[in-house]
């Protein structure tokens, strides 16, 4: 199958910046209590729903995968970039990291207790997000949880320099209410929505967090 040009560009960009990206963001969660709270809430809900494996999709160097593991979840990472996965496996040798695309996950139906996509849907053109969310829904167990994080807004951006490197990468700020609508259309039910203000370091827009659930099946009538 021929990959879309944006997937090729995303892989190339993150291959280029992998080592510097990992170093810059290594301890970022330490200064973000709201981010940790959202991940902690997700972990608690997954455990209370029966557990199961949790996939950090678009895991990059694996820092969120490792944090989920520290919260007691059976976490694995999936990413498009081989160089990011090389860093992840080096930094977190006890965890599983696989190469893959969020638009075509190599996972069977109903195998995950939870999915986290932490700032990883931002490089997918919005017109293709319904397919991504359908894929997330397919791979979750009934009752499984989904947590998204992304920059709030409603405009595309082009990056030609990041993390000390020249790159060629598109990114999208996304309207939280529209993303939740797409999740509902994909079969999810909303659990929580949070919009936090940008921090005073490098964020320029509000940050959005959406928590949704794949509904549990109703028992068959006898």
C-alpha atoms as a PDB file:
ATOM      1  CA  UNK A   1       0.000   0.000   0.000  1.00  0.00           C
ATOM      2  CA  UNK A   2       1.301   3.467  -0.910  1.00  0.00           C
ATOM      3  CA  UNK A   3       1.575   5.648   2.193  1.00  0.00           C
ATOM      4  CA  UNK A   4       0.171   9.196   2.122  1.00  0.00           C
ATOM      5  CA  UNK A   5       2.827  11.885   1.755  1.00  0.00           C
ATOM      6  CA  UNK A   6       2.059  13.288   5.205  1.00  0.00           C
ATOM      7  CA  UNK A   7       2.915   9.958   6.842  1.00  0.00           C
ATOM      8  CA  UNK A   8       6.234   9.900   5.019  1.00  0.00           C
ATOM      9  CA  UNK A   9       6.934  13.474   6.113  1.00  0.00           C
ATOM     10  CA  UNK A  10       5.988  12.766   9.733  1.00  0.00           C
ATOM     11  CA  UNK A  11       8.236   9.703   9.884  1.00  0.00           C
ATOM     12  CA  UNK A  12      11.138  11.588   8.320  1.00  0.00           C
ATOM     13  CA  UNK A  13      10.772  14.562  10.665  1.00  0.00           C
ATOM     14  CA  UNK A  14      10.670  12.483  13.831  1.00  0.00           C
ATOM     15  CA  UNK A  15      13.518  10.280  12.648  1.00  0.00           C
ATOM     16  CA  UNK A  16      15.545  13.474  12.312  1.00  0.00           C
ATOM     17  CA  UNK A  17      14.758  14.959  15.732  1.00  0.00           C
ATOM     18  CA  UNK A  18      14.428  11.756  17.794  1.00  0.00           C
ATOM     19  CA  UNK A  19      17.450  12.051  20.097  1.00  0.00           C
ATOM     20  CA  UNK A  20      17.067  15.782  20.789  1.00  0.00           C
ATOM     21  CA  UNK A  21      13.302  15.515  21.193  1.00  0.00           C
ATOM     22  CA  UNK A  22      13.722  12.767  23.777  1.00  0.00           C
ATOM     23  CA  UNK A  23      16.300  14.729  25.752  1.00  0.00           C
ATOM     24  CA  UNK A  24      14.298  17.959  25.759  1.00  0.00           C
ATOM     25  CA  UNK A  25      11.045  16.346  26.907  1.00  0.00           C
ATOM     26  CA  UNK A  26      12.521  13.677  29.177  1.00  0.00           C
ATOM     27  CA  UNK A  27      11.321  15.243  32.451  1.00  0.00           C
ATOM     28  CA  UNK A  28       8.484  17.412  31.110  1.00  0.00           C
ATOM     29  CA  UNK A  29       5.757  15.678  33.140  1.00  0.00           C
ATOM     30  CA  UNK A  30       7.512  16.678  36.374  1.00  0.00           C
ATOM     31  CA  UNK A  31       6.355  20.276  35.870  1.00  0.00           C
ATOM     32  CA  UNK A  32       2.825  19.449  34.654  1.00  0.00           C
ATOM     33  CA  UNK A  33       0.569  18.272  37.490  1.00  0.00           C
ATOM     34  CA  UNK A  34      -2.594  18.538  35.378  1.00  0.00           C
ATOM     35  CA  UNK A  35      -1.106  16.276  32.724  1.00  0.00           C
ATOM     36  CA  UNK A  36      -0.157  13.759  35.405  1.00  0.00           C
ATOM     37  CA  UNK A  37      -3.651  13.988  36.866  1.00  0.00           C
ATOM     38  CA  UNK A  38      -5.257  13.194  33.516  1.00  0.00           C
ATOM     39  CA  UNK A  39      -2.982  10.202  33.009  1.00  0.00           C
ATOM     40  CA  UNK A  40      -3.648   9.069  36.562  1.00  0.00           C
ATOM     41  CA  UNK A  41      -7.405   9.326  36.072  1.00  0.00           C
ATOM     42  CA  UNK A  42      -7.127   7.340  32.855  1.00  0.00           C
ATOM     43  CA  UNK A  43      -5.117   4.632  34.646  1.00  0.00           C
ATOM     44  CA  UNK A  44      -7.622   4.391  37.486  1.00  0.00           C
ATOM     45  CA  UNK A  45     -10.538   4.090  35.086  1.00  0.00           C
ATOM     46  CA  UNK A  46      -8.778   1.395  33.049  1.00  0.00           C
ATOM     47  CA  UNK A  47      -8.083  -0.625  36.193  1.00  0.00           C
ATOM     48  CA  UNK A  48     -11.669  -0.230  37.451  1.00  0.00           C
ATOM     49  CA  UNK A  49     -12.978  -1.346  34.054  1.00  0.00           C
ATOM     50  CA  UNK A  50     -11.105  -4.635  34.197  1.00  0.00           C
ATOM     51  CA  UNK A  51      -7.635  -3.649  33.021  1.00  0.00           C
ATOM     52  CA  UNK A  52      -6.047  -5.077  29.919  1.00  0.00           C
ATOM     53  CA  UNK A  53      -3.149  -3.890  27.803  1.00  0.00           C
ATOM     54  CA  UNK A  54      -2.857  -0.165  27.150  1.00  0.00           C
ATOM     55  CA  UNK A  55      -1.319   1.227  23.944  1.00  0.00           C
ATOM     56  CA  UNK A  56       0.492   4.560  23.852  1.00  0.00           C
ATOM     57  CA  UNK A  57      -0.056   5.344  20.178  1.00  0.00           C
ATOM     58  CA  UNK A  58       2.439   7.783  18.726  1.00  0.00           C
ATOM     59  CA  UNK A  59       4.651   7.005  21.717  1.00  0.00           C
ATOM     60  CA  UNK A  60       7.796   8.725  20.460  1.00  0.00           C
ATOM     61  CA  UNK A  61      10.676   8.045  22.877  1.00  0.00           C
ATOM     62  CA  UNK A  62       8.368   6.230  25.279  1.00  0.00           C
ATOM     63  CA  UNK A  63       8.151   8.673  28.177  1.00  0.00           C
ATOM     64  CA  UNK A  64       4.346   8.431  28.445  1.00  0.00           C
ATOM     65  CA  UNK A  65       4.488   4.656  27.956  1.00  0.00           C
ATOM     66  CA  UNK A  66       6.896   4.445  30.888  1.00  0.00           C
ATOM     67  CA  UNK A  67       4.703   6.711  33.012  1.00  0.00           C
ATOM     68  CA  UNK A  68       1.667   4.525  32.330  1.00  0.00           C
ATOM     69  CA  UNK A  69       3.756   1.508  33.314  1.00  0.00           C
ATOM     70  CA  UNK A  70       4.670   3.269  36.575  1.00  0.00           C
ATOM     71  CA  UNK A  71       0.937   3.642  37.271  1.00  0.00           C
ATOM     72  CA  UNK A  72       0.534  -0.125  37.157  1.00  0.00           C
ATOM     73  CA  UNK A  73      -0.762  -0.509  33.602  1.00  0.00           C
ATOM     74  CA  UNK A  74       0.417  -3.116  31.090  1.00  0.00           C
ATOM     75  CA  UNK A  75       1.618  -0.441  28.676  1.00  0.00           C
ATOM     76  CA  UNK A  76       3.140  -0.805  25.217  1.00  0.00           C
ATOM     77  CA  UNK A  77       4.191   1.847  22.715  1.00  0.00           C
ATOM     78  CA  UNK A  78       3.496   2.151  18.989  1.00  0.00           C
ATOM     79  CA  UNK A  79       5.127   4.758  16.762  1.00  0.00           C
ATOM     80  CA  UNK A  80       5.666   5.575  13.100  1.00  0.00           C
ATOM     81  CA  UNK A  81       9.340   6.531  13.527  1.00  0.00           C
ATOM     82  CA  UNK A  82      12.018   3.814  13.761  1.00  0.00           C
ATOM     83  CA  UNK A  83      14.484   6.289  15.270  1.00  0.00           C
ATOM     84  CA  UNK A  84      12.042   7.245  18.003  1.00  0.00           C
ATOM     85  CA  UNK A  85      11.559   3.554  18.753  1.00  0.00           C
ATOM     86  CA  UNK A  86      15.325   3.054  18.960  1.00  0.00           C
ATOM     87  CA  UNK A  87      15.463   5.739  21.664  1.00  0.00           C
ATOM     88  CA  UNK A  88      12.423   4.278  23.446  1.00  0.00           C
ATOM     89  CA  UNK A  89      13.879   0.778  23.565  1.00  0.00           C
ATOM     90  CA  UNK A  90      17.201   2.109  24.846  1.00  0.00           C
ATOM     91  CA  UNK A  91      15.631   4.272  27.545  1.00  0.00           C
ATOM     92  CA  UNK A  92      12.962   1.740  28.605  1.00  0.00           C
ATOM     93  CA  UNK A  93      14.346  -1.739  27.874  1.00  0.00           C
ATOM     94  CA  UNK A  94      11.683  -3.532  29.894  1.00  0.00           C
ATOM     95  CA  UNK A  95       8.793  -2.263  27.780  1.00  0.00           C
ATOM     96  CA  UNK A  96       7.440  -3.282  24.384  1.00  0.00           C
ATOM     97  CA  UNK A  97       7.660  -0.842  21.473  1.00  0.00           C
ATOM     98  CA  UNK A  98       6.384  -1.616  17.973  1.00  0.00           C
ATOM     99  CA  UNK A  99       6.451   0.274  14.689  1.00  0.00           C
ATOM    100  CA  UNK A 100       3.049   1.091  13.256  1.00  0.00           C
ATOM    101  CA  UNK A 101       0.549   3.661  12.058  1.00  0.00           C
ATOM    102  CA  UNK A 102      -2.482   4.773  14.053  1.00  0.00           C
ATOM    103  CA  UNK A 103      -4.516   4.555  10.844  1.00  0.00           C
ATOM    104  CA  UNK A 104      -3.873   0.815  10.451  1.00  0.00           C
ATOM    105  CA  UNK A 105      -2.998  -0.764  13.784  1.00  0.00           C
ATOM    106  CA  UNK A 106      -1.718  -4.320  13.618  1.00  0.00           C
ATOM    107  CA  UNK A 107      -3.910  -5.340  16.521  1.00  0.00           C
ATOM    108  CA  UNK A 108      -6.884  -7.660  16.652  1.00  0.00           C
ATOM    109  CA  UNK A 109     -10.359  -6.361  17.379  1.00  0.00           C
ATOM    110  CA  UNK A 110     -11.120  -5.741  21.048  1.00  0.00           C
ATOM    111  CA  UNK A 111      -7.647  -6.364  22.469  1.00  0.00           C
ATOM    112  CA  UNK A 112      -6.877  -3.179  24.429  1.00  0.00           C
ATOM    113  CA  UNK A 113      -8.173  -1.952  27.746  1.00  0.00           C
ATOM    114  CA  UNK A 114      -7.077   1.563  26.917  1.00  0.00           C
ATOM    115  CA  UNK A 115      -5.450   3.827  24.349  1.00  0.00           C
ATOM    116  CA  UNK A 116      -3.515   7.036  24.920  1.00  0.00           C
ATOM    117  CA  UNK A 117      -2.759   9.318  21.972  1.00  0.00           C
ATOM    118  CA  UNK A 118      -0.675  12.030  23.641  1.00  0.00           C
ATOM    119  CA  UNK A 119      -0.156  14.856  21.147  1.00  0.00           C
ATOM    120  CA  UNK A 120       0.042  12.285  18.352  1.00  0.00           C
ATOM    121  CA  UNK A 121      -3.143  12.952  16.356  1.00  0.00           C
ATOM    122  CA  UNK A 122      -1.868  16.449  15.530  1.00  0.00           C
ATOM    123  CA  UNK A 123      -0.067  15.416  12.332  1.00  0.00           C
ATOM    124  CA  UNK A 124      -3.041  13.612  10.787  1.00  0.00           C
ATOM    125  CA  UNK A 125      -5.052  15.778   8.390  1.00  0.00           C
ATOM    126  CA  UNK A 126      -8.414  16.413  10.112  1.00  0.00           C
ATOM    127  CA  UNK A 127     -10.330  14.836   7.223  1.00  0.00           C
ATOM    128  CA  UNK A 128      -8.704  11.483   8.092  1.00  0.00           C
ATOM    129  CA  UNK A 129      -9.335  11.621  11.842  1.00  0.00           C
ATOM    130  CA  UNK A 130     -12.658   9.721  11.603  1.00  0.00           C
ATOM    131  CA  UNK A 131     -10.711   6.745  10.265  1.00  0.00           C
ATOM    132  CA  UNK A 132      -8.204   7.013  13.102  1.00  0.00           C
ATOM    133  CA  UNK A 133     -10.954   7.082  15.712  1.00  0.00           C
ATOM    134  CA  UNK A 134     -12.700   4.130  14.063  1.00  0.00           C
ATOM    135  CA  UNK A 135      -9.432   2.209  14.341  1.00  0.00           C
ATOM    136  CA  UNK A 136      -9.101   3.120  18.015  1.00  0.00           C
ATOM    137  CA  UNK A 137     -12.688   1.967  18.607  1.00  0.00           C
ATOM    138  CA  UNK A 138     -12.056  -1.308  16.774  1.00  0.00           C
ATOM    139  CA  UNK A 139      -9.048  -2.262  18.860  1.00  0.00           C
ATOM    140  CA  UNK A 140     -10.516  -1.394  22.269  1.00  0.00           C
ATOM    141  CA  UNK A 141     -12.326  -3.850  24.464  1.00  0.00           C
ATOM    142  CA  UNK A 142     -15.934  -3.056  25.280  1.00  0.00           C
ATOM    143  CA  UNK A 143     -15.716  -0.551  28.111  1.00  0.00           C
ATOM    144  CA  UNK A 144     -12.163   0.444  27.109  1.00  0.00           C
ATOM    145  CA  UNK A 145     -10.891   4.000  27.629  1.00  0.00           C
ATOM    146  CA  UNK A 146      -9.374   6.506  25.220  1.00  0.00           C
ATOM    147  CA  UNK A 147      -7.370   9.582  26.274  1.00  0.00           C
ATOM    148  CA  UNK A 148      -6.379  12.251  23.754  1.00  0.00           C
ATOM    149  CA  UNK A 149      -4.158  15.289  24.314  1.00  0.00           C
ATOM    150  CA  UNK A 150      -3.574  17.996  21.724  1.00  0.00           C
ATOM    151  CA  UNK A 151      -3.171  21.734  21.218  1.00  0.00           C
ATOM    152  CA  UNK A 152      -6.538  23.462  21.029  1.00  0.00           C
ATOM    153  CA  UNK A 153      -7.319  25.732  18.107  1.00  0.00           C
ATOM    154  CA  UNK A 154      -8.554  25.468  14.553  1.00  0.00           C
ATOM    155  CA  UNK A 155      -5.677  26.047  12.173  1.00  0.00           C
ATOM    156  CA  UNK A 156      -2.871  24.193  10.415  1.00  0.00           C
ATOM    157  CA  UNK A 157       0.777  24.986  11.048  1.00  0.00           C
ATOM    158  CA  UNK A 158       3.898  24.160   9.090  1.00  0.00           C
ATOM    159  CA  UNK A 159       7.151  23.470  10.909  1.00  0.00           C
ATOM    160  CA  UNK A 160      10.422  23.889   9.082  1.00  0.00           C
ATOM    161  CA  UNK A 161      12.648  23.937  12.167  1.00  0.00           C
ATOM    162  CA  UNK A 162      12.231  22.138  15.487  1.00  0.00           C
ATOM    163  CA  UNK A 163      14.378  20.602  18.223  1.00  0.00           C
ATOM    164  CA  UNK A 164      17.504  22.017  16.602  1.00  0.00           C
ATOM    165  CA  UNK A 165      16.867  20.519  13.160  1.00  0.00           C
ATOM    166  CA  UNK A 166      15.454  21.553   9.808  1.00  0.00           C
ATOM    167  CA  UNK A 167      12.293  19.549   9.091  1.00  0.00           C
ATOM    168  CA  UNK A 168       9.253  19.614   6.812  1.00  0.00           C
ATOM    169  CA  UNK A 169       6.197  18.822   8.931  1.00  0.00           C
ATOM    170  CA  UNK A 170       2.551  19.847   9.104  1.00  0.00           C
ATOM    171  CA  UNK A 171       0.688  20.026  12.411  1.00  0.00           C
ATOM    172  CA  UNK A 172      -2.889  20.890  13.295  1.00  0.00           C
ATOM    173  CA  UNK A 173      -4.381  22.693  16.247  1.00  0.00           C
ATOM    174  CA  UNK A 174      -7.793  21.156  16.773  1.00  0.00           C
ATOM    175  CA  UNK A 175     -11.143  22.327  18.229  1.00  0.00           C
ATOM    176  CA  UNK A 176     -11.945  20.105  21.238  1.00  0.00           C
ATOM    177  CA  UNK A 177     -15.711  20.197  20.706  1.00  0.00           C
ATOM    178  CA  UNK A 178     -15.323  19.018  17.109  1.00  0.00           C
ATOM    179  CA  UNK A 179     -12.929  16.235  18.087  1.00  0.00           C
ATOM    180  CA  UNK A 180     -15.399  15.005  20.706  1.00  0.00           C
ATOM    181  CA  UNK A 181     -18.135  15.047  18.062  1.00  0.00           C
ATOM    182  CA  UNK A 182     -15.972  12.836  15.854  1.00  0.00           C
ATOM    183  CA  UNK A 183     -15.356  10.461  18.765  1.00  0.00           C
ATOM    184  CA  UNK A 184     -19.085  10.160  19.396  1.00  0.00           C
ATOM    185  CA  UNK A 185     -19.662   9.528  15.692  1.00  0.00           C
ATOM    186  CA  UNK A 186     -17.053   6.738  15.893  1.00  0.00           C
ATOM    187  CA  UNK A 187     -19.055   5.068  18.676  1.00  0.00           C
ATOM    188  CA  UNK A 188     -17.465   6.500  21.821  1.00  0.00           C
ATOM    189  CA  UNK A 189     -19.213   8.132  24.756  1.00  0.00           C
ATOM    190  CA  UNK A 190     -17.702  11.168  26.452  1.00  0.00           C
ATOM    191  CA  UNK A 191     -16.249  10.759  29.942  1.00  0.00           C
ATOM    192  CA  UNK A 192     -14.464  14.078  30.528  1.00  0.00           C
ATOM    193  CA  UNK A 193     -13.145  17.154  28.759  1.00  0.00           C
ATOM    194  CA  UNK A 194     -10.488  19.536  30.078  1.00  0.00           C
ATOM    195  CA  UNK A 195      -8.969  22.667  28.596  1.00  0.00           C
ATOM    196  CA  UNK A 196      -5.977  24.089  30.446  1.00  0.00           C
ATOM    197  CA  UNK A 197      -4.301  27.378  29.793  1.00  0.00           C
ATOM    198  CA  UNK A 198      -0.843  27.405  28.169  1.00  0.00           C
ATOM    199  CA  UNK A 199       2.088  27.354  30.564  1.00  0.00           C
ATOM    200  CA  UNK A 200       4.526  30.239  30.658  1.00  0.00           C
ATOM    201  CA  UNK A 201       7.399  28.336  29.063  1.00  0.00           C
ATOM    202  CA  UNK A 202       6.839  27.281  25.462  1.00  0.00           C
ATOM    203  CA  UNK A 203       3.107  26.650  24.980  1.00  0.00           C
ATOM    204  CA  UNK A 204       1.256  29.220  22.868  1.00  0.00           C
ATOM    205  CA  UNK A 205      -2.296  27.835  22.924  1.00  0.00           C
ATOM    206  CA  UNK A 206      -4.622  26.109  25.396  1.00  0.00           C
ATOM    207  CA  UNK A 207      -4.087  22.375  25.776  1.00  0.00           C
ATOM    208  CA  UNK A 208      -7.021  19.976  25.370  1.00  0.00           C
ATOM    209  CA  UNK A 209      -7.592  16.591  27.024  1.00  0.00           C
ATOM    210  CA  UNK A 210     -10.508  14.374  26.027  1.00  0.00           C
ATOM    211  CA  UNK A 211     -11.443  11.161  27.798  1.00  0.00           C
ATOM    212  CA  UNK A 212     -13.909   8.819  26.105  1.00  0.00           C
ATOM    213  CA  UNK A 213     -15.079   5.245  26.470  1.00  0.00           C
ATOM    214  CA  UNK A 214     -16.112   2.493  24.106  1.00  0.00           C
ATOM    215  CA  UNK A 215     -19.486   1.479  25.543  1.00  0.00           C
ATOM    216  CA  UNK A 216     -19.875  -1.914  27.120  1.00  0.00           C
ATOM    217  CA  UNK A 217     -22.307  -4.172  25.322  1.00  0.00           C
ATOM    218  CA  UNK A 218     -25.697  -4.550  26.897  1.00  0.00           C
ATOM    219  CA  UNK A 219     -26.442  -8.106  28.004  1.00  0.00           C
ATOM    220  CA  UNK A 220     -28.585 -10.057  25.571  1.00  0.00           C
ATOM    221  CA  UNK A 221     -32.244 -10.448  26.556  1.00  0.00           C
ATOM    222  CA  UNK A 222     -33.085 -13.980  27.626  1.00  0.00           C
END
